Amino acid sequence: MTSNPTSTTPTPARAGRREWTALGVLMLPLMLVSMDVSVLYFAIPAISADLEPSGTQQLWIFDIYGFVLAGLLMTMGSLGDRIGRRKLLLIGATAFGAASLVAAYANSAETLIAARAILGIGGATLMPSTMALLRTMFTDPGQRAKAVGLWSGVMTAGIALGSVMSGLLVEHFWWGSVFLVNLPAMALLLVLGPILLPESKDPAPGRFDWLSVPLSMAAVLPVIYGLKEIPSEGWNVGYVVSITVGLLFAVLFVHRQRTAASPMIDPALFRGRGFAPSVALNLVSAFGIMGSAYFTTQYLQSVLDKSALEAALWALLPSVPIGAAAPIATTLVQRGVDRARVVTAGFAISSGGFALMALAGTDSMWLVLASCAVLAVGGVIVMSQIMDLAMGTAPVERAGTASSLMETGTEFGGALGMAVLGSIGTAIYRHEIPASAPAPAHETLGGALSVADRVPGLAAVARDAFTSGMQGAAIAGAVVLAGAATLTAVTLRRVSVREAPKTPEAEKATV
């Protein structure tokens, strides 16, 4: 008697109430980590009055969090794969909470800088750990796609919410309150995390490659620093050298990963079909979102003459439709629409947002806000689908590393967007400012407004020049994102997440 063989491939277990509750717990620290990027926007004046930092110290208070976060993402993603993502998450939450407390009551600029650096270390542990745990908890592709969409929306919304939160808190309390809001969420994570979150790690990670840690930081930090300074200071020799040095270290880092017996970043990740394009397309999406933000905040404050808090509140408006973008995109993919088409549409929508921005004049607040909303919707559609594709393609035992690579790409893309589009806008602005205008007016719109009372008509001319620069940068952004839409249609065509049956080693990754 013969019998037909039947498939023994197990059906992925569906997440239940426990997993969705755990996701909610994970979203709180994720939002706070993303908020801390912008939470000092309105607190800096009060901090300056209280602690009296030097100009250099003030810059470090503001920037060191983002630099440390970007520099350590890859290290922490790899470390979480080795020691356990839940363990690293809880260690990071402890550090983040303790540093928040120190920052809130800092009595010197040096103390606040050190606390912000530790916050960056904690943030670098929290971001890849949350995504890696999400990958572990949601093994069903459909549920994972929904969870990744929520993750993407929360992270994007957190950046927008941070500046408003700081404005409201500083207006009613003292500047330290912007850090104290972190404590309840971290305490909740420390209490509920061990109960709700599963531990997971790579069962055979090999030795940790300590040499890759300084190499990765030397590759990331100089490039991020140079790209972030270029929009305001221009392409001077120091920033170009900084970027060049970082790129040279990046070459050494890649060589190390390809030759080390136990690399920090397994090159095999990039051999998975769909992962390398996901990293690149995620970077381009961040390029558009952060590149546009460079102009919209200045437009609201300096062109429309809104107060800082008013500008931040208006800037929240484009975030409203973000909540629906990722779920709609996920539903379309689950109903059979090709993912490449959805991501292509996301880039096309974002390109349309830039096209709207290119039509704005000096009194087009609603058009600018609408363009930001369109850009954000398209960006979240792209990021949610690309992140889901990358995490579904990556082996579960490399989830932390995969997540950290995607997030590092986001940091690079954001800095590159501000540098490239900011430089285009600045070049057009300086070209249109009359040669007879005072020197500060040739640098920035803020400089022009600071001396406008001495030169009749200068304010209007400077605002027109800035708007022209924004229009030029928007055209460039529209072209880049339209190109990304075309690239997506080619690179992601017929690429889908095909999850292999778990090996015995992968089964051990979840404890």
Protein backbone atom coordinates (compact mmCIF):
# COMPACT_ATOMS: atom_id res chain seq x y z
CA MET A 1 0.00 0.00 0.00
CA THR A 2 1.28 3.44 -0.88
CA SER A 3 0.52 6.75 0.72
CA ASN A 4 0.92 10.32 -0.43
CA PRO A 5 3.40 12.36 1.54
CA THR A 6 1.95 15.33 3.36
CA SER A 7 3.64 18.58 4.23
CA THR A 8 5.08 18.74 7.72
CA THR A 9 5.96 22.44 7.58
CA PRO A 10 4.47 23.90 10.75
CA THR A 11 2.03 26.76 10.50
CA PRO A 12 3.37 29.81 12.36
CA ALA A 13 1.68 30.25 15.71
CA ARG A 14 -0.61 33.26 15.91
CA ALA A 15 0.01 35.83 18.59
CA GLY A 16 -2.60 36.24 21.29
CA ARG A 17 -3.57 38.83 23.87
CA ARG A 18 -0.29 38.40 25.74
CA GLU A 19 1.82 39.29 22.70
CA TRP A 20 -0.30 42.30 21.74
CA THR A 21 -0.17 43.56 25.32
CA ALA A 22 3.60 43.13 25.27
CA LEU A 23 3.74 45.13 22.05
CA GLY A 24 1.91 47.97 23.78
CA VAL A 25 4.52 47.89 26.56
CA LEU A 26 7.31 48.02 23.97
CA MET A 27 5.78 51.01 22.19
CA LEU A 28 6.19 53.30 25.22
CA PRO A 29 10.00 53.21 25.39
CA LEU A 30 10.19 53.32 21.59
CA MET A 31 8.17 56.55 21.52
CA LEU A 32 10.28 58.09 24.28
CA VAL A 33 13.55 57.18 22.55
CA SER A 34 12.34 58.83 19.34
CA MET A 35 10.97 61.81 21.27
CA ASP A 36 14.35 62.42 22.90
CA VAL A 37 15.74 63.33 19.47
CA SER A 38 13.66 66.52 19.50
CA VAL A 39 12.70 66.98 23.15
CA LEU A 40 15.23 69.78 23.76
CA TYR A 41 13.94 72.08 21.02
CA PHE A 42 12.21 74.35 23.52
CA ALA A 43 14.14 73.41 26.65
CA ILE A 44 17.53 74.71 25.43
CA PRO A 45 16.82 78.41 26.26
CA ALA A 46 15.82 77.53 29.84
CA ILE A 47 18.82 75.20 30.18
CA SER A 48 21.12 77.94 28.90
CA ALA A 49 19.76 80.43 31.43
CA ASP A 50 20.10 77.96 34.33
CA LEU A 51 23.37 76.13 33.58
CA GLU A 52 25.09 78.83 31.49
CA PRO A 53 26.84 76.43 29.08
CA SER A 54 29.39 77.67 26.58
CA GLY A 55 28.44 77.66 22.90
CA THR A 56 30.28 74.37 22.38
CA GLN A 57 28.69 72.80 25.45
CA GLN A 58 25.23 73.83 24.27
CA LEU A 59 25.83 72.11 20.94
CA TRP A 60 26.95 68.94 22.73
CA ILE A 61 23.92 69.00 25.03
CA PHE A 62 21.71 69.00 21.96
CA ASP A 63 23.65 66.69 19.63
CA ILE A 64 25.41 64.08 21.72
CA TYR A 65 22.27 61.96 22.21
CA GLY A 66 21.79 61.47 18.49
CA PHE A 67 25.49 60.88 17.83
CA VAL A 68 25.85 58.18 20.50
CA LEU A 69 22.56 56.58 19.45
CA ALA A 70 23.62 56.37 15.79
CA GLY A 71 27.13 55.20 16.63
CA LEU A 72 26.08 52.31 18.86
CA LEU A 73 23.03 50.92 17.05
CA MET A 74 24.96 48.20 15.22
CA THR A 75 26.93 47.26 18.32
CA MET A 76 23.81 46.94 20.47
CA GLY A 77 21.87 45.03 17.82
CA SER A 78 24.65 42.45 17.61
CA LEU A 79 25.08 42.37 21.40
CA GLY A 80 21.36 41.69 21.89
CA ASP A 81 21.56 38.72 19.52
CA ARG A 82 24.30 37.32 21.73
CA ILE A 83 23.24 37.98 25.32
CA GLY A 84 19.46 38.09 24.80
CA ARG A 85 17.23 40.86 23.46
CA ARG A 86 15.02 41.04 26.56
CA LYS A 87 18.03 41.20 28.85
CA LEU A 88 19.59 44.00 26.81
CA LEU A 89 16.25 45.82 26.64
CA LEU A 90 15.89 45.79 30.42
CA ILE A 91 19.52 46.87 30.92
CA GLY A 92 18.94 49.71 28.47
CA ALA A 93 15.68 50.73 30.17
CA THR A 94 17.48 50.89 33.51
CA ALA A 95 20.25 53.05 32.03
CA PHE A 96 17.74 55.25 30.20
CA GLY A 97 15.67 55.80 33.35
CA ALA A 98 18.69 56.51 35.56
CA ALA A 99 20.19 58.91 33.01
CA SER A 100 16.83 60.69 32.69
CA LEU A 101 16.80 61.28 36.44
CA VAL A 102 20.37 62.61 36.40
CA ALA A 103 19.61 64.85 33.42
CA ALA A 104 16.49 66.28 35.07
CA TYR A 105 18.44 67.45 38.11
CA ALA A 106 21.78 68.22 36.45
CA ASN A 107 23.49 71.21 38.06
CA SER A 108 26.17 71.72 35.41
CA ALA A 109 26.53 71.52 31.66
CA GLU A 110 29.09 68.73 31.99
CA THR A 111 26.67 66.59 34.00
CA LEU A 112 23.89 67.14 31.50
CA ILE A 113 26.16 66.25 28.57
CA ALA A 114 27.21 63.02 30.31
CA ALA A 115 23.58 62.16 31.09
CA ARG A 116 22.55 62.79 27.47
CA ALA A 117 25.37 60.50 26.32
CA ILE A 118 24.10 57.71 28.59
CA LEU A 119 20.59 58.33 27.28
CA GLY A 120 22.02 57.74 23.80
CA ILE A 121 23.56 54.46 24.94
CA GLY A 122 20.23 53.40 26.44
CA GLY A 123 18.36 54.43 23.30
CA ALA A 124 20.76 52.38 21.16
CA THR A 125 19.84 49.28 23.19
CA LEU A 126 16.11 49.93 23.17
CA MET A 127 15.45 50.54 19.47
CA PRO A 128 16.89 47.33 17.91
CA SER A 129 15.75 45.25 20.90
CA THR A 130 12.11 46.29 20.49
CA MET A 131 12.07 45.32 16.81
CA ALA A 132 13.97 42.08 17.42
CA LEU A 133 11.51 41.05 20.15
CA LEU A 134 8.63 41.97 17.87
CA ARG A 135 10.12 39.61 15.27
CA THR A 136 10.24 36.86 17.88
CA MET A 137 6.73 37.38 19.26
CA PHE A 138 4.92 37.71 15.93
CA THR A 139 5.84 34.71 13.78
CA ASP A 140 2.66 34.87 11.69
CA PRO A 141 3.54 37.06 8.67
CA GLY A 142 0.21 38.89 8.65
CA GLN A 143 0.32 39.72 12.34
CA ARG A 144 3.96 40.69 12.14
CA ALA A 145 3.20 43.11 9.31
CA LYS A 146 0.56 44.83 11.47
CA ALA A 147 2.92 45.00 14.44
CA VAL A 148 5.74 46.44 12.30
CA GLY A 149 3.32 49.04 10.93
CA LEU A 150 2.48 50.14 14.48
CA TRP A 151 6.18 50.23 15.34
CA SER A 152 6.94 52.46 12.33
CA GLY A 153 4.05 54.82 13.07
CA VAL A 154 4.96 55.20 16.74
CA MET A 155 8.61 55.94 15.95
CA THR A 156 7.70 58.58 13.36
CA ALA A 157 5.07 60.19 15.58
CA GLY A 158 7.46 60.29 18.54
CA ILE A 159 9.88 62.60 16.73
CA ALA A 160 7.06 65.06 15.98
CA LEU A 161 5.62 64.80 19.48
CA GLY A 162 8.94 65.43 21.26
CA SER A 163 9.18 69.11 20.42
CA VAL A 164 5.56 69.82 21.40
CA MET A 165 5.93 67.90 24.64
CA SER A 166 9.02 69.90 25.56
CA GLY A 167 7.26 73.19 24.78
CA LEU A 168 4.27 72.37 26.97
CA LEU A 169 6.35 71.07 29.86
CA VAL A 170 8.82 73.96 29.86
CA GLU A 171 5.92 76.43 29.75
CA HIS A 172 4.31 74.98 32.89
CA PHE A 173 7.23 73.37 34.77
CA TRP A 174 11.04 73.56 34.76
CA TRP A 175 13.28 72.23 31.99
CA GLY A 176 14.11 69.03 33.87
CA SER A 177 10.53 67.85 33.47
CA VAL A 178 11.22 66.95 29.82
CA PHE A 179 13.41 64.12 31.13
CA LEU A 180 11.22 63.01 34.04
CA VAL A 181 8.43 61.93 31.66
CA ASN A 182 10.67 59.00 30.72
CA LEU A 183 10.57 57.45 34.19
CA PRO A 184 7.01 56.01 34.34
CA ALA A 185 7.36 54.27 30.97
CA MET A 186 10.74 52.77 31.87
CA ALA A 187 9.42 51.64 35.24
CA LEU A 188 6.45 49.98 33.55
CA LEU A 189 8.79 48.23 31.12
CA LEU A 190 11.00 46.96 33.95
CA VAL A 191 7.98 45.58 35.82
CA LEU A 192 6.04 44.05 32.92
CA GLY A 193 8.92 43.19 30.58
CA PRO A 194 10.10 40.08 32.46
CA ILE A 195 6.50 38.86 32.64
CA LEU A 196 5.28 39.51 29.09
CA LEU A 197 8.38 39.45 26.89
CA PRO A 198 10.04 36.20 25.80
CA GLU A 199 13.80 35.95 25.94
CA SER A 200 15.45 35.27 22.61
CA LYS A 201 19.00 35.18 21.29
CA ASP A 202 21.26 33.55 18.75
CA PRO A 203 22.00 30.03 20.05
CA ALA A 204 25.44 29.95 18.35
CA PRO A 205 26.64 33.55 18.04
CA GLY A 206 30.39 32.99 18.23
CA ARG A 207 32.80 35.32 20.02
CA PHE A 208 31.91 38.99 20.15
CA ASP A 209 34.17 40.98 17.81
CA TRP A 210 35.33 43.83 20.01
CA LEU A 211 37.47 45.41 17.27
CA SER A 212 34.33 46.01 15.21
CA VAL A 213 32.90 48.29 17.92
CA PRO A 214 35.38 51.19 17.50
CA LEU A 215 35.48 50.58 13.74
CA SER A 216 31.70 50.90 13.47
CA MET A 217 31.64 54.07 15.56
CA ALA A 218 34.54 55.55 13.58
CA ALA A 219 32.60 54.82 10.39
CA VAL A 220 29.25 56.22 11.53
CA LEU A 221 30.01 59.22 13.75
CA PRO A 222 32.23 61.35 11.43
CA VAL A 223 29.80 60.92 8.54
CA ILE A 224 26.73 61.76 10.65
CA TYR A 225 28.54 64.75 12.15
CA GLY A 226 29.63 66.15 8.79
CA LEU A 227 26.23 65.66 7.18
CA LYS A 228 24.39 67.32 10.08
CA GLU A 229 26.64 70.38 10.11
CA ILE A 230 26.71 71.02 6.36
CA PRO A 231 23.16 72.50 6.04
CA SER A 232 23.92 75.34 8.44
CA GLU A 233 27.66 75.81 7.97
CA GLY A 234 28.18 74.83 4.32
CA TRP A 235 30.59 72.43 2.65
CA ASN A 236 33.74 73.61 4.38
CA VAL A 237 36.93 71.56 4.40
CA GLY A 238 36.51 70.30 7.96
CA TYR A 239 33.14 68.66 7.30
CA VAL A 240 34.26 67.15 4.00
CA VAL A 241 37.31 65.68 5.76
CA SER A 242 35.07 64.34 8.52
CA ILE A 243 32.84 62.56 6.01
CA THR A 244 35.86 61.23 4.11
CA VAL A 245 37.44 59.84 7.28
CA GLY A 246 34.19 58.14 8.19
CA LEU A 247 33.91 56.57 4.75
CA LEU A 248 37.48 55.26 5.00
CA PHE A 249 36.67 53.63 8.32
CA ALA A 250 33.50 52.25 6.75
CA VAL A 251 35.67 50.46 4.18
CA LEU A 252 37.78 49.01 7.01
CA PHE A 253 34.64 47.99 8.89
CA VAL A 254 33.21 46.17 5.87
CA HIS A 255 36.54 44.42 5.31
CA ARG A 256 36.54 43.32 8.94
CA GLN A 257 33.03 41.90 8.64
CA ARG A 258 33.99 39.94 5.53
CA THR A 259 37.17 38.45 7.01
CA ALA A 260 36.50 38.00 10.74
CA ALA A 261 35.68 34.51 11.98
CA SER A 262 32.75 35.86 14.03
CA PRO A 263 31.78 39.27 12.59
CA MET A 264 29.51 41.79 14.28
CA ILE A 265 27.42 42.02 11.08
CA ASP A 266 27.05 38.69 9.32
CA PRO A 267 27.55 39.34 5.56
CA ALA A 268 25.10 36.50 4.89
CA LEU A 269 22.31 38.91 5.86
CA PHE A 270 22.86 40.82 2.64
CA ARG A 271 22.69 37.66 0.57
CA GLY A 272 19.05 37.20 1.54
CA ARG A 273 16.94 38.41 -1.36
CA GLY A 274 15.25 41.64 -0.42
CA PHE A 275 17.36 42.64 2.61
CA ALA A 276 19.97 44.84 0.89
CA PRO A 277 17.31 46.68 -1.19
CA SER A 278 15.31 47.19 2.01
CA VAL A 279 18.23 48.91 3.75
CA ALA A 280 18.81 51.17 0.73
CA LEU A 281 15.16 52.08 0.19
CA ASN A 282 14.64 52.74 3.91
CA LEU A 283 17.57 55.18 3.76
CA VAL A 284 16.00 57.00 0.80
CA SER A 285 12.66 57.29 2.60
CA ALA A 286 14.37 58.83 5.65
CA PHE A 287 16.17 61.18 3.24
CA GLY A 288 12.82 62.58 2.13
CA ILE A 289 11.17 62.84 5.54
CA MET A 290 14.07 64.53 7.36
CA GLY A 291 15.04 66.64 4.36
CA SER A 292 11.59 68.17 4.28
CA ALA A 293 11.55 68.73 8.06
CA TYR A 294 14.64 70.95 7.73
CA PHE A 295 12.54 73.48 5.79
CA THR A 296 9.10 73.21 7.34
CA THR A 297 10.15 74.12 10.88
CA GLN A 298 11.98 77.22 9.62
CA TYR A 299 9.13 78.09 7.28
CA LEU A 300 6.57 78.08 10.09
CA GLN A 301 8.75 80.07 12.49
CA SER A 302 10.74 82.46 10.31
CA VAL A 303 8.62 82.91 7.19
CA LEU A 304 5.17 82.86 8.82
CA ASP A 305 6.50 84.40 12.07
CA LYS A 306 4.95 81.79 14.38
CA SER A 307 6.27 81.38 17.90
CA ALA A 308 8.28 78.23 18.56
CA LEU A 309 5.41 76.53 20.39
CA GLU A 310 2.86 77.61 17.78
CA ALA A 311 5.09 76.21 15.04
CA ALA A 312 5.47 72.91 16.88
CA LEU A 313 1.72 72.59 17.40
CA TRP A 314 1.01 73.30 13.73
CA ALA A 315 3.73 70.82 12.76
CA LEU A 316 1.81 68.10 14.62
CA LEU A 317 -1.10 68.40 12.18
CA PRO A 318 0.61 66.46 9.35
CA SER A 319 1.15 63.57 11.79
CA VAL A 320 -2.59 62.89 12.07
CA PRO A 321 -2.94 60.74 8.92
CA ILE A 322 0.18 58.71 9.77
CA GLY A 323 -1.84 56.39 11.99
CA ALA A 324 -3.88 55.11 9.05
CA ALA A 325 -1.05 54.86 6.50
CA ALA A 326 0.70 51.70 7.70
CA PRO A 327 -2.48 49.67 8.42
CA ILE A 328 -3.89 50.49 4.97
CA ALA A 329 -0.63 49.48 3.29
CA THR A 330 -0.51 46.25 5.30
CA THR A 331 -4.11 45.41 4.42
CA LEU A 332 -3.41 45.92 0.72
CA VAL A 333 -0.42 43.56 0.82
CA GLN A 334 -2.37 40.94 2.76
CA ARG A 335 -5.16 41.09 0.19
CA GLY A 336 -2.77 40.20 -2.57
CA VAL A 337 -1.46 43.52 -3.84
CA ASP A 338 2.22 43.09 -4.71
CA ARG A 339 4.43 44.64 -2.02
CA ALA A 340 6.63 46.27 -4.67
CA ARG A 341 3.59 48.15 -5.97
CA VAL A 342 2.63 49.33 -2.49
CA VAL A 343 6.16 50.58 -1.74
CA THR A 344 6.37 52.16 -5.20
CA ALA A 345 3.10 53.95 -4.48
CA GLY A 346 4.51 55.12 -1.13
CA PHE A 347 7.51 56.70 -2.83
CA ALA A 348 5.25 58.23 -5.49
CA ILE A 349 3.04 59.73 -2.76
CA SER A 350 6.08 61.19 -1.00
CA SER A 351 7.34 62.58 -4.30
CA GLY A 352 3.93 64.21 -4.74
CA GLY A 353 4.32 65.78 -1.30
CA PHE A 354 7.55 67.43 -2.41
CA ALA A 355 5.81 68.56 -5.61
CA LEU A 356 3.16 70.30 -3.49
CA MET A 357 5.87 71.95 -1.40
CA ALA A 358 7.45 73.30 -4.59
CA LEU A 359 4.26 75.29 -5.21
CA ALA A 360 4.33 77.05 -1.82
CA GLY A 361 4.77 80.79 -1.49
CA THR A 362 5.54 82.94 1.53
CA ASP A 363 1.93 82.74 2.78
CA SER A 364 1.07 79.09 2.00
CA MET A 365 0.86 77.53 5.45
CA TRP A 366 -1.92 75.10 4.58
CA LEU A 367 -0.19 74.02 1.38
CA VAL A 368 3.06 73.39 3.26
CA LEU A 369 1.25 71.43 5.99
CA ALA A 370 -0.59 69.42 3.36
CA SER A 371 2.68 68.65 1.60
CA CYS A 372 4.19 67.48 4.89
CA ALA A 373 1.19 65.22 5.53
CA VAL A 374 1.47 63.67 2.07
CA LEU A 375 5.21 63.18 2.53
CA ALA A 376 4.73 61.56 5.94
CA VAL A 377 2.01 59.20 4.71
CA GLY A 378 4.15 58.04 1.82
CA GLY A 379 7.17 57.66 4.08
CA VAL A 380 5.37 55.55 6.66
CA ILE A 381 3.92 53.33 3.92
CA VAL A 382 7.45 52.73 2.63
CA MET A 383 9.09 52.24 6.02
CA SER A 384 6.47 49.88 7.40
CA GLN A 385 6.57 47.60 4.36
CA ILE A 386 10.34 47.74 3.95
CA MET A 387 10.93 47.01 7.64
CA ASP A 388 8.52 44.08 7.51
CA LEU A 389 10.25 42.73 4.40
CA ALA A 390 13.71 43.07 5.97
CA MET A 391 12.73 41.48 9.28
CA GLY A 392 10.84 38.67 7.57
CA THR A 393 13.82 37.95 5.32
CA ALA A 394 16.41 38.00 8.12
CA PRO A 395 16.87 34.83 10.21
CA VAL A 396 15.24 35.15 13.62
CA GLU A 397 18.60 34.55 15.32
CA ARG A 398 19.94 37.70 13.56
CA ALA A 399 16.88 39.87 14.26
CA GLY A 400 18.73 42.37 16.45
CA THR A 401 21.50 42.86 13.91
CA ALA A 402 19.01 43.23 11.07
CA SER A 403 16.99 45.80 12.99
CA SER A 404 20.08 47.81 13.92
CA LEU A 405 21.18 47.96 10.28
CA MET A 406 17.79 49.29 9.21
CA GLU A 407 17.81 51.92 11.96
CA THR A 408 21.39 52.96 11.20
CA GLY A 409 20.29 53.42 7.59
CA THR A 410 17.49 55.65 8.84
CA GLU A 411 20.02 57.82 10.70
CA PHE A 412 22.23 58.10 7.63
CA GLY A 413 19.29 58.83 5.36
CA GLY A 414 17.97 61.58 7.63
CA ALA A 415 21.36 63.26 7.91
CA LEU A 416 21.91 62.96 4.16
CA GLY A 417 18.49 64.45 3.41
CA MET A 418 19.17 67.48 5.58
CA ALA A 419 22.66 67.91 4.10
CA VAL A 420 21.76 67.59 0.43
CA LEU A 421 18.38 69.33 0.38
CA GLY A 422 19.51 71.86 2.99
CA SER A 423 22.56 72.71 0.87
CA ILE A 424 20.42 73.18 -2.23
CA GLY A 425 18.05 75.46 -0.36
CA THR A 426 20.92 77.44 1.18
CA ALA A 427 22.66 77.90 -2.18
CA ILE A 428 19.48 79.29 -3.76
CA TYR A 429 18.83 81.52 -0.74
CA ARG A 430 22.32 83.03 -0.88
CA HIS A 431 22.07 83.55 -4.64
CA GLU A 432 18.88 85.58 -4.25
CA ILE A 433 19.95 87.75 -1.33
CA PRO A 434 21.16 91.14 -2.65
CA ALA A 435 24.92 91.65 -2.56
CA SER A 436 24.39 94.88 -0.62
CA ALA A 437 22.67 93.10 2.30
CA PRO A 438 24.55 92.86 5.62
CA ALA A 439 26.82 89.82 6.06
CA PRO A 440 24.49 87.94 8.49
CA ALA A 441 21.73 88.10 5.86
CA HIS A 442 23.88 86.09 3.44
CA GLU A 443 24.21 83.20 5.86
CA THR A 444 20.69 82.25 6.96
CA LEU A 445 17.15 83.56 7.10
CA GLY A 446 17.53 83.89 10.87
CA GLY A 447 20.60 86.06 10.34
CA ALA A 448 18.68 88.26 7.91
CA LEU A 449 15.78 88.72 10.33
CA SER A 450 18.18 89.64 13.13
CA VAL A 451 19.38 92.70 11.18
CA ALA A 452 16.18 93.42 9.25
CA ASP A 453 15.32 96.43 11.40
CA ARG A 454 18.40 98.19 10.01
CA VAL A 455 17.59 97.52 6.33
CA PRO A 456 14.08 98.38 5.10
CA GLY A 457 12.52 95.60 3.06
CA LEU A 458 15.23 93.03 3.92
CA ALA A 459 12.84 90.76 5.86
CA ALA A 460 10.50 90.35 2.89
CA VAL A 461 13.38 89.76 0.49
CA ALA A 462 14.95 87.18 2.80
CA ARG A 463 11.65 85.34 3.27
CA ASP A 464 11.15 85.23 -0.49
CA ALA A 465 14.70 83.93 -0.92
CA PHE A 466 14.21 81.21 1.68
CA THR A 467 10.93 80.15 0.05
CA SER A 468 12.65 79.97 -3.32
CA GLY A 469 15.34 77.77 -1.76
CA MET A 470 12.66 75.53 -0.26
CA GLN A 471 10.99 75.25 -3.66
CA GLY A 472 14.28 74.28 -5.32
CA ALA A 473 15.05 71.67 -2.66
CA ALA A 474 11.50 70.30 -2.96
CA ILE A 475 11.94 69.81 -6.71
CA ALA A 476 15.18 67.92 -6.04
CA GLY A 477 13.45 65.82 -3.37
CA ALA A 478 10.59 65.02 -5.72
CA VAL A 479 13.06 63.83 -8.36
CA VAL A 480 14.97 61.64 -5.87
CA LEU A 481 11.82 59.97 -4.54
CA ALA A 482 10.40 59.50 -8.04
CA GLY A 483 13.66 57.76 -8.88
CA ALA A 484 13.27 55.61 -5.76
CA ALA A 485 9.79 54.62 -6.92
CA THR A 486 11.27 53.41 -10.21
CA LEU A 487 14.09 51.62 -8.39
CA THR A 488 11.57 49.90 -6.12
CA ALA A 489 9.56 48.60 -9.04
CA VAL A 490 12.73 46.96 -10.37
CA THR A 491 14.49 45.71 -7.22
CA LEU A 492 11.46 44.43 -5.28
CA ARG A 493 9.66 42.87 -8.21
CA ARG A 494 8.64 39.33 -7.25
CA VAL A 495 10.46 39.65 -3.91
CA SER A 496 8.38 38.33 -1.05
CA VAL A 497 8.98 37.01 2.43
CA ARG A 498 9.40 33.26 2.23
CA GLU A 499 10.09 32.03 5.71
CA ALA A 500 12.02 28.78 5.91
CA PRO A 501 11.02 26.12 8.42
CA LYS A 502 12.86 26.64 11.70
CA THR A 503 16.03 24.65 12.17
CA PRO A 504 16.68 23.07 15.58
CA GLU A 505 19.19 25.87 16.25
CA ALA A 506 16.64 28.54 15.40
CA GLU A 507 14.07 26.87 17.65
CA LYS A 508 16.51 27.36 20.51
CA ALA A 509 16.70 31.08 19.76
CA THR A 510 13.47 31.60 21.69
CA VAL A 511 13.74 30.49 25.28
